[in-house]
Amino acid sequence: MATDPVGSGGFGAVAPEASGATGLRYAAVPADAAGPAAPHSAAAAWPAVLPDAVLAGGVRGPEELGVLLGTVLGALAAGAQDRGGPLPPGGPPAVDAAVRRALGGAALPAQGTGAHEALGTLARVLAYGTTDPADPACAGHLHCPPLAVAVAAELAAAALNPSLDSWDQAPAATALETEVVAALAALAGFTPQLASGTVTTGGTESNLLGLLLARDRHGPGAGRHRVLCSDAAHFSVRRSAALLGLGDDAVVPVATCTDHRIDPGALDAVCRRITAANDRPTAIVATAGTTDLGAVDPLAACADVAREHGAWLHVDAAYGGGALFSDRLAPLLTGLDRADSIGLDLHKLGWQPVAAGVFLVRDRALFAPLTQRAKYLNPADDEDAGFPSLLGHSPRTTRRADVFKIAVTLRALGRAGLGALVDRCHELACHAGVRIDRDPGPGALELTAEPVLTTVVFRYVPHPSPGESDGRRSDRVNAELRRRLLTEGRAVVGRTEVGTGPGSVRLKLTLLNPHATERDVDALLNLVIAAGRAVERDL
């Protein structure tokens, strides 16, 4: 059970460990390898007037950072103990009160409290007030527990703070992104010497990029641009069309089959209808892993339709792209190599801290619409002289080196290691499906569809009640039992809808913790059943 961290003085700073007690070790740089000192790199001490404004970089920065890390790690452990479960109990009012108390009524005080106090107090309340995806009972969203090695890599990238809008701000990071993009392009089946890409903030940005390049390849002309996708595609497809000036109604939803995948025959028919109306089927967005059911559209068939109608094929593989690491699941993505562009999210089935998206394009020449020339960032003669620029690969200018944590993880685990994590989560989802299907009926659970990737969609089946339709009662009980679990701090279970009308509300487990066990999954499902029965008693 969670303790009361906001009582008895509230969140206090976690005292830093004594020097040398952080467990960090630093390798000495040989004198003959250090090179000449920069004019200001050998200052005897940080300015006395700024004791809490030391820098993270340079030669001295890592040592200072190591001391502060002791405070942060201690606060994270204390906050997790305060929380005592997958999320804090009490719902929004309790969390809001804890944050306000930790801030002491002033998010911007007139005088600072010092680095250790600020880190200790706020890291502790952040840990207390988080939903912890490393807890097996936290399974509500495509929100993975990050690998420790990726978090450590994130620290290195943050300390060095490269920005990929010009080579002279990120020499190594520029080279790393080029190499990582080539490796992932090859994994997706593209020709790495021809393909290109960029690291993005996630699937939403990747979908925007895919539609932007599709629109600009077609250019102006007679008829409206139309974007086709399944009725289960991510909402960001419609948002991207609106942002690009195509309008919400530019997106044409296409029916799915009983397996929740887009119907290729219907897709072809809609393309023909659009052409007959003198509009243009500019892009087809196929989904490799829908958010709820994990369904993967038939990519090869979608590619056939796209080629027939001259449409750009973008594959939203933000979720299902992780199957590329798995020998077992990779066949689901057959035909991916025929896409014009692909979006991947490694902060889903890649176990990276947010954000870690990747956008891939089959032919680097297709990036031409993003080309920009800024005299202060990428003058043409610099590029002619061999200084590369990634400015034309992204709609962003300042861009942090999110590629570094990806590069470290790929090197540390390899495809086999990441594939084992994907397979383990898939096994847990299959176990959950079997467990749910075992005891159907009122007061138990009902499976909506067999798991494809790592999501499991189901509902609690309430007992019939006179005067209320079964569908309405089911929706009410399932919605309330989820809120009850959240408010009690016992579990994070997702919610969605399958179909329309009464009886459409469903619950969802998104299983992304490869260290969870079948027993953990059973315990979580038992919590759902117990909460459902408790809600029924209270109605």
Protein backbone atom coordinates (compact mmCIF):
# COMPACT_ATOMS: atom_id res chain seq x y z
CA MET A 1 0.00 0.00 0.00
CA ALA A 2 1.31 3.46 -0.80
CA THR A 3 2.55 5.63 2.03
CA ASP A 4 1.50 9.26 2.45
CA PRO A 5 4.44 11.18 1.00
CA VAL A 6 2.75 14.54 1.32
CA GLY A 7 2.07 14.30 5.03
CA SER A 8 4.47 15.05 7.88
CA GLY A 9 6.52 17.60 6.06
CA GLY A 10 5.82 16.40 2.53
CA PHE A 11 8.48 15.44 0.02
CA GLY A 12 11.94 16.10 1.34
CA ALA A 13 15.17 16.17 -0.58
CA VAL A 14 17.06 12.91 -0.71
CA ALA A 15 20.52 13.59 0.66
CA PRO A 16 23.35 13.01 -1.79
CA GLU A 17 25.57 10.06 -1.12
CA ALA A 18 29.05 10.60 0.12
CA SER A 19 31.70 11.14 -2.50
CA GLY A 20 32.67 7.86 -4.11
CA ALA A 21 29.52 6.09 -2.93
CA THR A 22 27.51 6.45 -6.14
CA GLY A 23 29.00 3.35 -7.71
CA LEU A 24 30.22 5.36 -10.69
CA ARG A 25 33.73 4.90 -11.99
CA TYR A 26 35.60 7.11 -14.40
CA ALA A 27 38.36 6.01 -16.72
CA ALA A 28 41.39 8.27 -16.67
CA VAL A 29 42.38 9.79 -20.00
CA PRO A 30 46.08 9.16 -20.71
CA ALA A 31 48.03 12.39 -20.71
CA ASP A 32 49.42 11.75 -24.16
CA ALA A 33 45.90 11.18 -25.57
CA ALA A 34 44.16 14.15 -24.01
CA GLY A 35 45.31 16.70 -26.58
CA PRO A 36 45.89 20.39 -25.91
CA ALA A 37 43.62 22.03 -23.37
CA ALA A 38 40.97 24.43 -24.63
CA PRO A 39 41.35 27.99 -23.31
CA HIS A 40 38.68 27.64 -20.61
CA SER A 41 38.52 23.88 -20.04
CA ALA A 42 40.98 23.73 -17.16
CA ALA A 43 39.38 26.16 -14.75
CA ALA A 44 40.27 25.26 -11.19
CA ALA A 45 36.66 25.43 -9.99
CA TRP A 46 33.19 26.34 -11.10
CA PRO A 47 32.35 30.00 -10.46
CA ALA A 48 31.55 30.38 -6.78
CA VAL A 49 28.54 32.56 -7.54
CA LEU A 50 26.86 29.72 -9.49
CA PRO A 51 27.27 26.59 -7.35
CA ASP A 52 24.03 25.08 -8.66
CA ALA A 53 24.56 26.02 -12.31
CA VAL A 54 27.43 23.69 -13.15
CA LEU A 55 27.50 22.32 -16.69
CA ALA A 56 27.07 18.66 -17.63
CA GLY A 57 29.63 18.63 -20.42
CA GLY A 58 33.35 19.09 -20.69
CA VAL A 59 35.94 17.29 -18.58
CA ARG A 60 34.52 18.29 -15.21
CA GLY A 61 30.85 17.81 -16.07
CA PRO A 62 30.62 14.02 -15.69
CA GLU A 63 32.06 14.19 -12.18
CA GLU A 64 29.52 16.81 -11.13
CA LEU A 65 26.77 14.85 -12.84
CA GLY A 66 27.74 11.72 -10.94
CA VAL A 67 27.18 13.47 -7.61
CA LEU A 68 23.76 14.72 -8.69
CA LEU A 69 22.80 11.27 -9.95
CA GLY A 70 23.09 9.93 -6.44
CA THR A 71 20.36 12.33 -5.39
CA VAL A 72 18.17 11.49 -8.39
CA LEU A 73 18.43 7.72 -8.00
CA GLY A 74 17.74 7.91 -4.29
CA ALA A 75 14.67 10.06 -4.95
CA LEU A 76 13.38 7.68 -7.61
CA ALA A 77 13.63 4.75 -5.22
CA ALA A 78 11.93 6.70 -2.42
CA GLY A 79 9.13 7.86 -4.73
CA ALA A 80 8.48 4.33 -5.95
CA GLN A 81 8.23 3.17 -2.35
CA ASP A 82 5.82 6.03 -1.58
CA ARG A 83 3.66 5.00 -4.54
CA GLY A 84 3.57 1.33 -3.60
CA GLY A 85 2.04 0.08 -6.86
CA PRO A 86 1.64 0.72 -10.58
CA LEU A 87 0.21 4.22 -10.02
CA PRO A 88 -0.59 6.45 -7.04
CA PRO A 89 -3.94 5.90 -5.33
CA GLY A 90 -6.48 8.67 -4.99
CA GLY A 91 -6.79 9.72 -8.62
CA PRO A 92 -6.13 13.22 -10.00
CA PRO A 93 -6.93 15.13 -6.76
CA ALA A 94 -4.31 13.21 -4.76
CA VAL A 95 -1.62 13.59 -7.42
CA ASP A 96 -2.34 17.29 -7.95
CA ALA A 97 -2.12 17.90 -4.20
CA ALA A 98 1.20 16.04 -3.96
CA VAL A 99 2.71 18.10 -6.78
CA ARG A 100 1.50 21.40 -5.33
CA ARG A 101 2.84 20.49 -1.91
CA ALA A 102 6.22 19.50 -3.35
CA LEU A 103 6.44 22.82 -5.18
CA GLY A 104 5.57 24.68 -2.00
CA GLY A 105 3.22 26.95 -3.88
CA ALA A 106 5.90 28.32 -6.20
CA ALA A 107 6.98 26.66 -9.43
CA LEU A 108 9.26 29.68 -9.98
CA PRO A 109 10.58 30.79 -6.57
CA ALA A 110 12.32 34.12 -6.19
CA GLN A 111 15.40 32.33 -4.87
CA GLY A 112 16.41 28.82 -5.85
CA THR A 113 16.46 25.95 -3.37
CA GLY A 114 19.66 24.40 -4.71
CA ALA A 115 20.31 21.53 -7.10
CA HIS A 116 20.12 18.66 -4.61
CA GLU A 117 16.95 19.86 -2.91
CA ALA A 118 15.21 20.56 -6.23
CA LEU A 119 16.21 17.23 -7.72
CA GLY A 120 15.45 15.27 -4.58
CA THR A 121 12.04 16.81 -3.98
CA LEU A 122 10.74 16.89 -7.53
CA ALA A 123 12.19 13.55 -8.67
CA ARG A 124 10.57 11.94 -5.65
CA VAL A 125 7.13 13.42 -6.35
CA LEU A 126 7.49 12.55 -10.04
CA ALA A 127 8.25 8.93 -9.16
CA TYR A 128 5.40 8.85 -6.65
CA GLY A 129 2.95 10.34 -9.14
CA THR A 130 3.91 8.30 -12.19
CA THR A 131 2.31 5.30 -13.80
CA ASP A 132 5.17 2.82 -13.84
CA PRO A 133 5.26 0.73 -17.03
CA ALA A 134 7.78 -1.58 -15.36
CA ASP A 135 5.02 -2.76 -12.99
CA PRO A 136 3.25 -5.82 -14.45
CA ALA A 137 -0.11 -4.32 -13.45
CA CYS A 138 0.54 -1.29 -15.69
CA ALA A 139 -0.70 -2.49 -19.08
CA GLY A 140 -3.01 0.18 -20.42
CA HIS A 141 -1.17 1.67 -23.37
CA LEU A 142 1.59 1.30 -25.94
CA HIS A 143 3.86 2.75 -23.28
CA CYS A 144 6.84 0.49 -22.70
CA PRO A 145 9.16 0.16 -19.72
CA PRO A 146 12.49 1.47 -21.05
CA LEU A 147 15.63 -0.62 -20.89
CA ALA A 148 18.19 0.52 -18.34
CA VAL A 149 20.87 0.61 -21.04
CA ALA A 150 18.69 2.94 -23.13
CA VAL A 151 18.10 5.26 -20.17
CA ALA A 152 21.84 5.37 -19.47
CA ALA A 153 22.40 6.23 -23.13
CA GLU A 154 19.77 8.96 -22.84
CA LEU A 155 21.83 10.51 -20.06
CA ALA A 156 24.92 10.64 -22.28
CA ALA A 157 23.01 12.27 -25.13
CA ALA A 158 21.41 14.80 -22.78
CA ALA A 159 24.75 15.71 -21.20
CA LEU A 160 26.45 16.31 -24.54
CA ASN A 161 23.31 17.93 -26.02
CA PRO A 162 24.04 17.60 -29.76
CA SER A 163 21.49 19.06 -32.17
CA LEU A 164 21.16 17.48 -35.57
CA ASP A 165 20.23 20.57 -37.56
CA SER A 166 23.87 21.03 -38.59
CA TRP A 167 27.00 18.90 -38.66
CA ASP A 168 28.99 21.33 -36.53
CA GLN A 169 26.52 20.83 -33.66
CA ALA A 170 26.43 17.03 -33.87
CA PRO A 171 29.34 15.45 -35.75
CA ALA A 172 29.14 11.94 -34.28
CA ALA A 173 25.36 12.00 -33.87
CA THR A 174 24.98 12.88 -37.56
CA ALA A 175 27.09 9.88 -38.55
CA LEU A 176 25.26 7.64 -36.06
CA GLU A 177 21.84 8.58 -37.40
CA THR A 178 22.96 7.89 -40.94
CA GLU A 179 24.23 4.42 -39.96
CA VAL A 180 21.22 3.50 -37.79
CA VAL A 181 18.73 4.61 -40.44
CA ALA A 182 20.57 2.50 -43.03
CA ALA A 183 20.49 -0.55 -40.74
CA LEU A 184 16.77 -0.20 -40.03
CA ALA A 185 16.04 0.43 -43.71
CA ALA A 186 17.81 -2.84 -44.53
CA LEU A 187 15.83 -4.62 -41.81
CA ALA A 188 12.61 -3.34 -43.42
CA GLY A 189 13.72 -4.67 -46.81
CA PHE A 190 14.78 -1.40 -48.43
CA THR A 191 18.07 -1.06 -50.30
CA PRO A 192 20.20 0.78 -47.71
CA GLN A 193 22.40 2.49 -50.32
CA LEU A 194 19.28 4.02 -51.89
CA ALA A 195 17.01 4.51 -48.88
CA SER A 196 17.13 7.23 -46.28
CA GLY A 197 15.21 8.41 -43.25
CA THR A 198 15.25 10.34 -40.03
CA VAL A 199 14.61 9.87 -36.33
CA THR A 200 11.23 11.30 -35.35
CA THR A 201 9.20 11.92 -32.23
CA GLY A 202 6.99 8.95 -33.09
CA GLY A 203 4.30 7.61 -35.37
CA THR A 204 2.36 10.85 -35.56
CA GLU A 205 5.32 12.76 -36.99
CA SER A 206 6.18 9.83 -39.28
CA ASN A 207 2.63 9.74 -40.65
CA LEU A 208 2.76 13.48 -41.23
CA LEU A 209 6.04 13.11 -43.13
CA GLY A 210 4.70 10.26 -45.24
CA LEU A 211 1.63 12.23 -46.30
CA LEU A 212 3.66 15.40 -46.89
CA LEU A 213 5.99 13.60 -49.29
CA ALA A 214 3.03 11.89 -50.97
CA ARG A 215 1.23 15.21 -51.48
CA ASP A 216 4.29 16.94 -52.87
CA ARG A 217 5.20 14.09 -55.19
CA HIS A 218 1.77 14.40 -56.82
CA GLY A 219 1.97 18.19 -56.85
CA PRO A 220 -0.83 20.57 -57.82
CA GLY A 221 -3.32 19.53 -60.44
CA ALA A 222 -6.93 18.81 -61.17
CA GLY A 223 -8.91 17.08 -58.47
CA ARG A 224 -8.55 16.86 -54.72
CA HIS A 225 -5.95 14.81 -52.93
CA ARG A 226 -7.47 11.77 -51.23
CA VAL A 227 -5.86 9.61 -48.55
CA LEU A 228 -7.13 6.08 -48.02
CA CYS A 229 -6.73 4.03 -44.86
CA SER A 230 -8.66 1.43 -42.91
CA ASP A 231 -11.37 2.46 -40.51
CA ALA A 232 -9.04 1.20 -37.76
CA ALA A 233 -6.09 3.43 -38.75
CA HIS A 234 -4.51 5.78 -36.23
CA PHE A 235 -6.28 9.12 -35.73
CA SER A 236 -3.06 10.93 -36.65
CA VAL A 237 -3.69 10.13 -40.33
CA ARG A 238 -6.72 12.42 -40.30
CA ARG A 239 -4.89 15.00 -38.21
CA SER A 240 -1.94 14.98 -40.63
CA ALA A 241 -4.22 15.54 -43.60
CA ALA A 242 -5.73 18.54 -41.83
CA LEU A 243 -2.31 19.97 -40.94
CA LEU A 244 -1.21 19.62 -44.57
CA GLY A 245 -4.18 21.64 -45.75
CA LEU A 246 -5.93 18.69 -47.36
CA GLY A 247 -8.92 18.86 -45.01
CA ASP A 248 -10.37 16.28 -42.63
CA ASP A 249 -12.63 14.92 -45.34
CA ALA A 250 -9.62 14.15 -47.55
CA VAL A 251 -9.20 10.93 -45.58
CA VAL A 252 -11.43 8.16 -46.90
CA PRO A 253 -11.90 5.23 -44.50
CA VAL A 254 -11.98 1.78 -46.09
CA ALA A 255 -13.84 -1.15 -44.58
CA THR A 256 -12.00 -3.94 -42.79
CA CYS A 257 -12.65 -7.66 -43.01
CA THR A 258 -13.71 -9.82 -40.07
CA ASP A 259 -10.02 -10.13 -39.13
CA HIS A 260 -9.91 -6.31 -38.68
CA ARG A 261 -7.51 -5.87 -41.63
CA ILE A 262 -8.23 -3.59 -44.56
CA ASP A 263 -10.16 -5.25 -47.38
CA PRO A 264 -7.98 -5.03 -50.54
CA GLY A 265 -11.03 -5.38 -52.79
CA ALA A 266 -12.76 -2.50 -51.05
CA LEU A 267 -9.53 -0.48 -51.23
CA ASP A 268 -9.34 -0.95 -55.00
CA ALA A 269 -13.02 -0.07 -55.40
CA VAL A 270 -12.64 3.15 -53.41
CA CYS A 271 -9.61 4.16 -55.51
CA ARG A 272 -11.65 3.66 -58.67
CA ARG A 273 -14.52 5.70 -57.24
CA ILE A 274 -12.15 8.54 -56.37
CA THR A 275 -10.65 8.55 -59.87
CA ALA A 276 -14.11 8.48 -61.44
CA ALA A 277 -14.97 11.61 -59.44
CA ASN A 278 -11.90 13.33 -60.95
CA ASP A 279 -10.09 13.30 -57.60
CA ARG A 280 -6.73 11.67 -56.92
CA PRO A 281 -5.90 8.68 -54.69
CA THR A 282 -2.73 10.41 -53.50
CA ALA A 283 -1.76 8.05 -50.68
CA ILE A 284 -2.71 4.75 -49.14
CA VAL A 285 -1.82 4.37 -45.46
CA ALA A 286 -1.59 0.72 -44.47
CA THR A 287 -1.39 -0.09 -40.77
CA ALA A 288 1.04 -2.70 -39.47
CA GLY A 289 -0.32 -3.14 -35.97
CA THR A 290 -3.52 -1.28 -35.12
CA THR A 291 -3.48 0.35 -31.70
CA ASP A 292 -6.24 -1.79 -30.24
CA LEU A 293 -6.20 -5.23 -31.86
CA GLY A 294 -2.70 -5.23 -33.35
CA ALA A 295 -4.11 -6.10 -36.78
CA VAL A 296 -1.67 -5.93 -39.69
CA ASP A 297 -3.11 -4.92 -43.04
CA PRO A 298 -2.20 -7.17 -46.02
CA LEU A 299 0.78 -5.10 -47.09
CA ALA A 300 1.54 -6.87 -50.38
CA ALA A 301 -2.07 -6.50 -51.52
CA CYS A 302 -2.05 -2.83 -50.49
CA ALA A 303 1.13 -2.36 -52.53
CA ASP A 304 -0.57 -3.90 -55.56
CA VAL A 305 -3.49 -1.47 -55.28
CA ALA A 306 -1.14 1.49 -54.76
CA ARG A 307 0.85 0.61 -57.86
CA GLU A 308 -2.31 0.14 -59.93
CA HIS A 309 -3.59 3.60 -59.03
CA GLY A 310 -0.32 5.53 -58.76
CA ALA A 311 -0.76 6.12 -55.03
CA TRP A 312 2.02 6.57 -52.51
CA LEU A 313 2.08 3.68 -50.01
CA HIS A 314 2.93 4.69 -46.46
CA VAL A 315 2.99 1.95 -43.83
CA ASP A 316 2.28 3.01 -40.27
CA ALA A 317 4.32 0.34 -38.48
CA ALA A 318 4.67 2.32 -35.26
CA TYR A 319 3.47 -0.68 -33.27
CA GLY A 320 3.93 -3.71 -35.51
CA GLY A 321 7.35 -2.70 -36.80
CA GLY A 322 8.86 -4.36 -33.74
CA ALA A 323 7.93 -7.68 -35.36
CA LEU A 324 10.92 -7.15 -37.68
CA PHE A 325 13.15 -8.23 -34.79
CA SER A 326 11.28 -11.53 -34.37
CA ASP A 327 11.67 -14.56 -36.63
CA ARG A 328 8.27 -15.72 -35.38
CA LEU A 329 6.35 -12.52 -36.15
CA ALA A 330 8.30 -10.96 -39.05
CA PRO A 331 6.20 -12.83 -41.68
CA LEU A 332 3.25 -10.64 -40.62
CA LEU A 333 5.06 -7.78 -42.37
CA THR A 334 5.49 -9.48 -45.75
CA GLY A 335 5.28 -6.76 -48.40
CA LEU A 336 6.68 -4.02 -46.17
CA ASP A 337 9.62 -3.63 -48.55
CA ARG A 338 7.25 -2.40 -51.27
CA ALA A 339 6.23 0.71 -49.33
CA ASP A 340 7.33 4.19 -50.35
CA SER A 341 7.70 5.17 -46.70
CA ILE A 342 7.49 3.51 -43.29
CA GLY A 343 7.06 4.77 -39.74
CA LEU A 344 8.53 2.80 -36.82
CA ASP A 345 8.32 3.50 -33.09
CA LEU A 346 11.09 2.06 -30.94
CA HIS A 347 9.44 3.48 -27.82
CA LYS A 348 6.88 0.70 -28.22
CA LEU A 349 8.34 -2.71 -29.13
CA GLY A 350 11.88 -1.36 -28.87
CA TRP A 351 11.91 -0.48 -25.16
CA GLN A 352 13.27 3.04 -25.61
CA PRO A 353 12.48 6.12 -23.53
CA VAL A 354 10.10 8.45 -25.34
CA ALA A 355 10.71 9.65 -28.01
CA ALA A 356 12.23 7.17 -30.43
CA GLY A 357 10.43 7.10 -33.77
CA VAL A 358 12.04 6.43 -37.14
CA PHE A 359 10.77 7.46 -40.57
CA LEU A 360 12.15 5.55 -43.56
CA VAL A 361 11.81 6.39 -47.24
CA ARG A 362 12.53 3.94 -50.05
CA ASP A 363 14.48 6.45 -52.16
CA ARG A 364 16.37 9.36 -50.62
CA ALA A 365 15.51 11.48 -53.65
CA LEU A 366 11.93 11.51 -52.39
CA PHE A 367 13.07 13.77 -49.53
CA ALA A 368 13.46 16.64 -52.02
CA PRO A 369 10.34 18.55 -50.84
CA LEU A 370 11.95 19.00 -47.41
CA THR A 371 15.15 20.53 -48.78
CA GLN A 372 15.99 23.83 -47.12
CA ARG A 373 19.06 26.02 -47.35
CA ALA A 374 19.88 28.14 -44.31
CA LYS A 375 23.05 30.21 -44.65
CA TYR A 376 23.89 29.82 -40.97
CA LEU A 377 23.30 26.03 -40.88
CA ASN A 378 24.02 24.27 -44.17
CA PRO A 379 25.68 26.50 -46.78
CA ALA A 380 26.04 24.69 -50.07
CA ASP A 381 29.82 25.00 -50.19
CA ASP A 382 30.09 23.26 -46.79
CA GLU A 383 28.19 20.28 -48.17
CA ASP A 384 30.31 20.36 -51.32
CA ALA A 385 33.36 20.23 -49.05
CA GLY A 386 32.08 17.07 -47.34
CA PHE A 387 30.23 18.41 -44.30
CA PRO A 388 26.87 16.59 -44.42
CA SER A 389 23.54 18.09 -43.41
CA LEU A 390 20.40 16.32 -42.19
CA LEU A 391 18.35 19.53 -42.14
CA GLY A 392 16.38 18.43 -45.19
CA HIS A 393 15.30 15.16 -43.60
CA SER A 394 12.97 16.55 -40.96
CA PRO A 395 10.35 19.26 -40.50
CA ARG A 396 12.13 20.16 -37.26
CA THR A 397 15.20 22.36 -36.93
CA THR A 398 16.62 21.81 -33.45
CA ARG A 399 16.60 18.04 -33.04
CA ARG A 400 18.05 16.12 -30.12
CA ALA A 401 20.18 13.00 -30.60
CA ASP A 402 17.45 10.44 -29.89
CA VAL A 403 19.35 8.18 -32.25
CA PHE A 404 22.03 7.58 -29.61
CA LYS A 405 19.89 5.47 -27.26
CA ILE A 406 18.62 3.53 -30.28
CA ALA A 407 22.17 2.90 -31.49
CA VAL A 408 23.30 1.74 -28.05
CA THR A 409 20.33 -0.61 -27.68
CA LEU A 410 20.77 -2.13 -31.13
CA ARG A 411 24.44 -2.76 -30.39
CA ALA A 412 23.85 -4.06 -26.86
CA LEU A 413 21.06 -6.52 -27.67
CA GLY A 414 21.27 -7.10 -31.40
CA ARG A 415 18.33 -8.30 -33.45
CA ALA A 416 18.25 -11.61 -31.58
CA GLY A 417 18.02 -9.97 -28.18
CA LEU A 418 15.27 -7.57 -29.20
CA GLY A 419 13.47 -10.41 -30.97
CA ALA A 420 13.48 -12.44 -27.76
CA LEU A 421 11.82 -9.54 -25.92
CA VAL A 422 9.17 -9.21 -28.64
CA ASP A 423 8.50 -12.96 -28.56
CA ARG A 424 8.17 -12.96 -24.78
CA CYS A 425 5.54 -10.21 -24.83
CA HIS A 426 3.68 -12.04 -27.60
CA GLU A 427 3.69 -15.19 -25.46
CA LEU A 428 2.19 -13.27 -22.54
CA ALA A 429 -0.57 -11.91 -24.79
CA CYS A 430 -1.37 -15.39 -26.06
CA HIS A 431 -1.48 -16.66 -22.47
CA ALA A 432 -3.88 -13.86 -21.54
CA GLY A 433 -6.13 -14.75 -24.48
CA VAL A 434 -6.31 -18.38 -23.41
CA ARG A 435 -6.92 -17.43 -19.78
CA ILE A 436 -9.76 -15.05 -20.70
CA ASP A 437 -11.40 -17.59 -22.99
CA ARG A 438 -11.30 -20.32 -20.35
CA ASP A 439 -14.25 -19.26 -18.19
CA PRO A 440 -16.79 -17.25 -20.20
CA GLY A 441 -20.10 -16.07 -18.84
CA PRO A 442 -21.51 -13.52 -16.39
CA GLY A 443 -19.08 -12.47 -13.68
CA ALA A 444 -16.13 -13.44 -15.89
CA LEU A 445 -14.30 -12.16 -18.98
CA GLU A 446 -14.96 -12.46 -22.71
CA LEU A 447 -12.27 -12.27 -25.40
CA THR A 448 -13.00 -9.97 -28.36
CA ALA A 449 -10.33 -11.25 -30.77
CA GLU A 450 -7.31 -13.53 -30.72
CA PRO A 451 -4.11 -11.58 -29.97
CA VAL A 452 -1.95 -10.81 -33.01
CA LEU A 453 0.93 -8.89 -31.41
CA THR A 454 0.89 -8.00 -27.70
CA THR A 455 -2.53 -6.42 -27.13
CA VAL A 456 -5.50 -8.29 -25.69
CA VAL A 457 -9.00 -6.81 -26.05
CA PHE A 458 -11.82 -8.16 -23.90
CA ARG A 459 -14.66 -7.18 -21.59
CA TYR A 460 -16.05 -8.09 -18.22
CA VAL A 461 -19.47 -9.71 -18.67
CA PRO A 462 -21.90 -8.43 -16.03
CA HIS A 463 -24.95 -10.28 -14.83
CA PRO A 464 -28.22 -9.23 -16.48
CA SER A 465 -30.21 -6.56 -14.69
CA PRO A 466 -33.95 -5.91 -15.03
CA GLY A 467 -34.70 -2.58 -16.64
CA GLU A 468 -31.29 -2.15 -18.30
CA SER A 469 -30.13 -3.58 -21.61
CA ASP A 470 -27.19 -5.96 -21.50
CA GLY A 471 -25.16 -3.67 -23.76
CA ARG A 472 -25.65 -0.53 -21.70
CA ARG A 473 -24.95 -2.37 -18.47
CA SER A 474 -21.78 -3.89 -19.95
CA ASP A 475 -20.53 -0.46 -21.03
CA ARG A 476 -21.27 1.06 -17.64
CA VAL A 477 -19.65 -1.71 -15.61
CA ASN A 478 -16.51 -1.95 -17.76
CA ALA A 479 -15.97 1.82 -17.75
CA GLU A 480 -16.46 2.04 -14.00
CA LEU A 481 -14.30 -0.96 -13.06
CA ARG A 482 -11.37 0.55 -14.98
CA ARG A 483 -11.77 3.88 -13.17
CA ARG A 484 -11.98 2.03 -9.86
CA LEU A 485 -8.68 0.25 -10.50
CA LEU A 486 -7.07 3.59 -11.42
CA THR A 487 -8.42 5.42 -8.38
CA GLU A 488 -7.34 2.65 -6.04
CA GLY A 489 -3.87 2.62 -7.60
CA ARG A 490 -4.10 -1.11 -8.26
CA ALA A 491 -3.86 -1.41 -12.06
CA VAL A 492 -3.69 0.50 -15.34
CA VAL A 493 -5.97 -1.20 -17.87
CA GLY A 494 -6.76 0.31 -21.25
CA ARG A 495 -10.19 1.17 -22.58
CA THR A 496 -11.43 1.26 -26.16
CA GLU A 497 -14.52 0.55 -28.23
CA VAL A 498 -15.17 -2.16 -30.79
CA GLY A 499 -18.12 -1.36 -33.01
CA THR A 500 -20.72 1.26 -32.18
CA GLY A 501 -23.73 1.54 -29.96
CA PRO A 502 -24.46 -0.13 -26.61
CA GLY A 503 -22.09 -2.95 -25.73
CA SER A 504 -19.09 -1.53 -27.60
CA VAL A 505 -16.87 -0.62 -24.62
CA ARG A 506 -13.91 -2.95 -24.21
CA LEU A 507 -10.94 -3.29 -21.89
CA LYS A 508 -7.42 -3.78 -23.18
CA LEU A 509 -4.11 -5.11 -21.95
CA THR A 510 -1.04 -3.92 -23.83
CA LEU A 511 1.69 -6.28 -22.69
CA LEU A 512 5.12 -4.71 -23.22
CA ASN A 513 6.95 -5.92 -20.11
CA PRO A 514 9.16 -8.86 -21.10
CA HIS A 515 10.00 -9.52 -17.44
CA ALA A 516 6.36 -10.09 -16.48
CA THR A 517 5.23 -13.66 -15.91
CA GLU A 518 2.11 -15.65 -16.67
CA ARG A 519 1.33 -15.44 -12.97
CA ASP A 520 1.49 -11.64 -13.19
CA VAL A 521 -0.97 -11.69 -16.10
CA ASP A 522 -3.33 -13.99 -14.20
CA ALA A 523 -3.18 -11.71 -11.16
CA LEU A 524 -4.02 -8.68 -13.30
CA LEU A 525 -7.00 -10.42 -14.88
CA ASN A 526 -8.18 -11.48 -11.43
CA LEU A 527 -8.04 -7.83 -10.35
CA VAL A 528 -10.26 -6.92 -13.30
CA ILE A 529 -12.79 -9.62 -12.41
CA ALA A 530 -12.82 -8.61 -8.75
CA ALA A 531 -13.31 -4.95 -9.67
CA GLY A 532 -16.15 -5.85 -12.03
CA ARG A 533 -17.93 -7.85 -9.37
CA ALA A 534 -17.45 -5.03 -6.85
CA VAL A 535 -18.94 -2.52 -9.28
CA GLU A 536 -21.93 -4.79 -9.86
CA ARG A 537 -22.53 -5.02 -6.12
CA ASP A 538 -22.48 -1.23 -5.84
CA LEU A 539 -24.87 -0.53 -8.72
